[in-house]
Amino acid sequence: MEREDRDKIYSKRVRAGKRTYFFDVRSTRSSDYYLTITESRRFQKDGGFVFEKSKMFVYKEDFNKFLEALQETVDHIKSELMPDYDFDQFKHDELVGGHNEVIDADNDDYASGGSDLKWD
């Protein structure tokens, strides 16, 4: 079994236009856990689609600081920089046949070998 399959514990995918964000919980050899956040951007090149990715790692000792800083930053944008903007206009559920889409990142074209996106 490849390391990629062995250490992925949980995955959440967020589609956002030409971008897809993956929030993956992974484990170390010593059964410790950390978070990887991957942004995958799709764009056209040479008549086909190419995926570019950026990845960051957040370790358990930084979870609280990371969440606090993220929340403070988003709150600042919403309340100070763009108080009149309707951020809820982007809030919607992806529906498939009238049901919320269940996302399995292991079988998703963006996350699997079904695309040009290469995962570490």
C-alpha atoms as a PDB file:
ATOM      1  CA  MET A   1       0.000   0.000   0.000  1.00  0.00           C
ATOM      2  CA  GLU A   2       1.334   3.432  -0.927  1.00  0.00           C
ATOM      3  CA  ARG A   3       2.046   5.952   1.814  1.00  0.00           C
ATOM      4  CA  GLU A   4      -0.579   8.300   0.312  1.00  0.00           C
ATOM      5  CA  ASP A   5      -3.309   5.716   0.891  1.00  0.00           C
ATOM      6  CA  ARG A   6      -1.988   4.605   4.276  1.00  0.00           C
ATOM      7  CA  ASP A   7      -1.758   7.954   6.001  1.00  0.00           C
ATOM      8  CA  LYS A   8      -4.893   9.767   4.752  1.00  0.00           C
ATOM      9  CA  ILE A   9      -7.430   9.604   7.596  1.00  0.00           C
ATOM     10  CA  TYR A  10     -10.102  12.096   6.534  1.00  0.00           C
ATOM     11  CA  SER A  11     -10.641  14.355   3.540  1.00  0.00           C
ATOM     12  CA  LYS A  12     -12.975  17.260   2.838  1.00  0.00           C
ATOM     13  CA  ARG A  13     -13.163  18.872  -0.587  1.00  0.00           C
ATOM     14  CA  VAL A  14     -14.440  22.389  -1.300  1.00  0.00           C
ATOM     15  CA  ARG A  15     -15.064  23.281  -4.936  1.00  0.00           C
ATOM     16  CA  ALA A  16     -14.822  26.974  -5.728  1.00  0.00           C
ATOM     17  CA  GLY A  17     -14.998  27.713  -9.445  1.00  0.00           C
ATOM     18  CA  LYS A  18     -11.667  26.891 -11.058  1.00  0.00           C
ATOM     19  CA  ARG A  19     -10.203  26.151  -7.636  1.00  0.00           C
ATOM     20  CA  THR A  20     -10.656  23.136  -5.415  1.00  0.00           C
ATOM     21  CA  TYR A  21      -9.485  23.063  -1.814  1.00  0.00           C
ATOM     22  CA  PHE A  22      -8.667  19.803  -0.053  1.00  0.00           C
ATOM     23  CA  PHE A  23      -8.489  19.567   3.737  1.00  0.00           C
ATOM     24  CA  ASP A  24      -6.812  16.254   4.551  1.00  0.00           C
ATOM     25  CA  VAL A  25      -6.046  14.761   7.937  1.00  0.00           C
ATOM     26  CA  ARG A  26      -2.960  12.604   7.723  1.00  0.00           C
ATOM     27  CA  SER A  27      -0.987  10.495  10.147  1.00  0.00           C
ATOM     28  CA  THR A  28       2.698  10.132  10.812  1.00  0.00           C
ATOM     29  CA  ARG A  29       4.490   6.843  11.359  1.00  0.00           C
ATOM     30  CA  SER A  30       4.147   7.440  15.101  1.00  0.00           C
ATOM     31  CA  SER A  31       0.335   7.792  14.791  1.00  0.00           C
ATOM     32  CA  ASP A  32       0.343  11.560  15.232  1.00  0.00           C
ATOM     33  CA  TYR A  33      -2.008  13.712  13.142  1.00  0.00           C
ATOM     34  CA  TYR A  34      -1.635  16.851  11.061  1.00  0.00           C
ATOM     35  CA  LEU A  35      -3.625  18.787   8.484  1.00  0.00           C
ATOM     36  CA  THR A  36      -2.700  19.442   4.880  1.00  0.00           C
ATOM     37  CA  ILE A  37      -4.516  22.172   2.971  1.00  0.00           C
ATOM     38  CA  THR A  38      -4.149  21.924  -0.781  1.00  0.00           C
ATOM     39  CA  GLU A  39      -5.349  24.416  -3.354  1.00  0.00           C
ATOM     40  CA  SER A  40      -5.722  22.960  -6.825  1.00  0.00           C
ATOM     41  CA  ARG A  41      -6.208  25.441  -9.662  1.00  0.00           C
ATOM     42  CA  ARG A  42      -7.380  24.344 -13.089  1.00  0.00           C
ATOM     43  CA  PHE A  43      -6.458  26.262 -16.204  1.00  0.00           C
ATOM     44  CA  GLN A  44      -6.206  25.657 -19.928  1.00  0.00           C
ATOM     45  CA  LYS A  45      -2.872  25.055 -21.582  1.00  0.00           C
ATOM     46  CA  ASP A  46      -2.035  23.627 -24.998  1.00  0.00           C
ATOM     47  CA  GLY A  47      -5.669  22.718 -25.711  1.00  0.00           C
ATOM     48  CA  GLY A  48      -6.123  20.775 -22.470  1.00  0.00           C
ATOM     49  CA  PHE A  49      -6.514  21.331 -18.775  1.00  0.00           C
ATOM     50  CA  VAL A  50      -3.579  21.582 -16.396  1.00  0.00           C
ATOM     51  CA  PHE A  51      -3.737  21.558 -12.613  1.00  0.00           C
ATOM     52  CA  GLU A  52      -1.420  23.575 -10.421  1.00  0.00           C
ATOM     53  CA  LYS A  53      -1.364  22.925  -6.711  1.00  0.00           C
ATOM     54  CA  SER A  54      -0.148  24.620  -3.583  1.00  0.00           C
ATOM     55  CA  LYS A  55       0.056  22.775  -0.290  1.00  0.00           C
ATOM     56  CA  MET A  56       0.544  23.775   3.313  1.00  0.00           C
ATOM     57  CA  PHE A  57       0.880  21.736   6.474  1.00  0.00           C
ATOM     58  CA  VAL A  58      -0.646  22.647   9.839  1.00  0.00           C
ATOM     59  CA  TYR A  59       0.529  20.682  12.846  1.00  0.00           C
ATOM     60  CA  LYS A  60      -1.550  19.948  15.954  1.00  0.00           C
ATOM     61  CA  GLU A  61       0.406  22.344  18.159  1.00  0.00           C
ATOM     62  CA  ASP A  62      -0.560  25.159  15.767  1.00  0.00           C
ATOM     63  CA  PHE A  63      -4.269  24.312  15.238  1.00  0.00           C
ATOM     64  CA  ASN A  64      -5.630  26.814  17.769  1.00  0.00           C
ATOM     65  CA  LYS A  65      -3.322  29.642  16.686  1.00  0.00           C
ATOM     66  CA  PHE A  66      -4.060  28.955  13.031  1.00  0.00           C
ATOM     67  CA  LEU A  67      -7.843  28.917  13.517  1.00  0.00           C
ATOM     68  CA  GLU A  68      -7.768  32.051  15.651  1.00  0.00           C
ATOM     69  CA  ALA A  69      -5.690  33.977  13.100  1.00  0.00           C
ATOM     70  CA  LEU A  70      -7.849  32.784  10.213  1.00  0.00           C
ATOM     71  CA  GLN A  71     -11.073  33.756  12.001  1.00  0.00           C
ATOM     72  CA  GLU A  72      -9.697  37.175  13.003  1.00  0.00           C
ATOM     73  CA  THR A  73      -8.576  37.838   9.434  1.00  0.00           C
ATOM     74  CA  VAL A  74     -11.912  36.830   7.884  1.00  0.00           C
ATOM     75  CA  ASP A  75     -13.820  38.854  10.515  1.00  0.00           C
ATOM     76  CA  HIS A  76     -11.642  41.904   9.733  1.00  0.00           C
ATOM     77  CA  ILE A  77     -12.374  41.623   6.016  1.00  0.00           C
ATOM     78  CA  LYS A  78     -16.104  41.166   6.624  1.00  0.00           C
ATOM     79  CA  SER A  79     -16.569  43.872   9.248  1.00  0.00           C
ATOM     80  CA  GLU A  80     -13.894  46.473   8.456  1.00  0.00           C
ATOM     81  CA  LEU A  81     -12.998  46.222   4.782  1.00  0.00           C
ATOM     82  CA  MET A  82     -16.241  44.999   3.209  1.00  0.00           C
ATOM     83  CA  PRO A  83     -19.082  45.521   5.713  1.00  0.00           C
ATOM     84  CA  ASP A  84     -21.758  45.975   3.019  1.00  0.00           C
ATOM     85  CA  TYR A  85     -20.783  42.957   0.952  1.00  0.00           C
ATOM     86  CA  ASP A  86     -23.111  39.938   0.961  1.00  0.00           C
ATOM     87  CA  PHE A  87     -20.766  36.999   1.556  1.00  0.00           C
ATOM     88  CA  ASP A  88     -23.740  34.628   1.840  1.00  0.00           C
ATOM     89  CA  GLN A  89     -24.394  34.972  -1.882  1.00  0.00           C
ATOM     90  CA  PHE A  90     -21.684  32.359  -2.381  1.00  0.00           C
ATOM     91  CA  LYS A  91     -23.130  29.953   0.162  1.00  0.00           C
ATOM     92  CA  HIS A  92     -24.832  27.062  -1.593  1.00  0.00           C
ATOM     93  CA  ASP A  93     -24.984  23.322  -1.506  1.00  0.00           C
ATOM     94  CA  GLU A  94     -23.950  21.277  -4.485  1.00  0.00           C
ATOM     95  CA  LEU A  95     -26.947  19.177  -5.346  1.00  0.00           C
ATOM     96  CA  VAL A  96     -26.976  15.965  -7.297  1.00  0.00           C
ATOM     97  CA  GLY A  97     -30.427  14.624  -8.059  1.00  0.00           C
ATOM     98  CA  GLY A  98     -31.926  16.758  -5.289  1.00  0.00           C
ATOM     99  CA  HIS A  99     -29.567  15.394  -2.610  1.00  0.00           C
ATOM    100  CA  ASN A 100     -26.461  16.872  -1.093  1.00  0.00           C
ATOM    101  CA  GLU A 101     -23.449  15.569  -2.957  1.00  0.00           C
ATOM    102  CA  VAL A 102     -21.394  13.069  -1.022  1.00  0.00           C
ATOM    103  CA  ILE A 103     -17.766  13.665  -1.850  1.00  0.00           C
ATOM    104  CA  ASP A 104     -15.243  10.858  -1.770  1.00  0.00           C
ATOM    105  CA  ALA A 105     -11.885  12.478  -2.467  1.00  0.00           C
ATOM    106  CA  ASP A 106     -10.324   9.059  -3.069  1.00  0.00           C
ATOM    107  CA  ASN A 107     -12.588   8.618  -6.112  1.00  0.00           C
ATOM    108  CA  ASP A 108     -12.620  12.235  -7.261  1.00  0.00           C
ATOM    109  CA  ASP A 109     -11.039  13.073 -10.627  1.00  0.00           C
ATOM    110  CA  TYR A 110      -9.170  15.999  -9.070  1.00  0.00           C
ATOM    111  CA  ALA A 111      -7.668  13.822  -6.357  1.00  0.00           C
ATOM    112  CA  SER A 112      -7.085  10.614  -8.244  1.00  0.00           C
ATOM    113  CA  GLY A 113      -5.100   9.590 -11.266  1.00  0.00           C
ATOM    114  CA  GLY A 114      -8.022  10.730 -13.460  1.00  0.00           C
ATOM    115  CA  SER A 115      -6.398  14.128 -14.046  1.00  0.00           C
ATOM    116  CA  ASP A 116      -3.027  15.674 -14.673  1.00  0.00           C
ATOM    117  CA  LEU A 117      -2.810  16.641 -11.012  1.00  0.00           C
ATOM    118  CA  LYS A 118       0.059  14.858  -9.316  1.00  0.00           C
ATOM    119  CA  TRP A 119      -0.181  14.251  -5.567  1.00  0.00           C
ATOM    120  CA  ASP A 120       2.888  13.930  -3.393  1.00  0.00           C
END
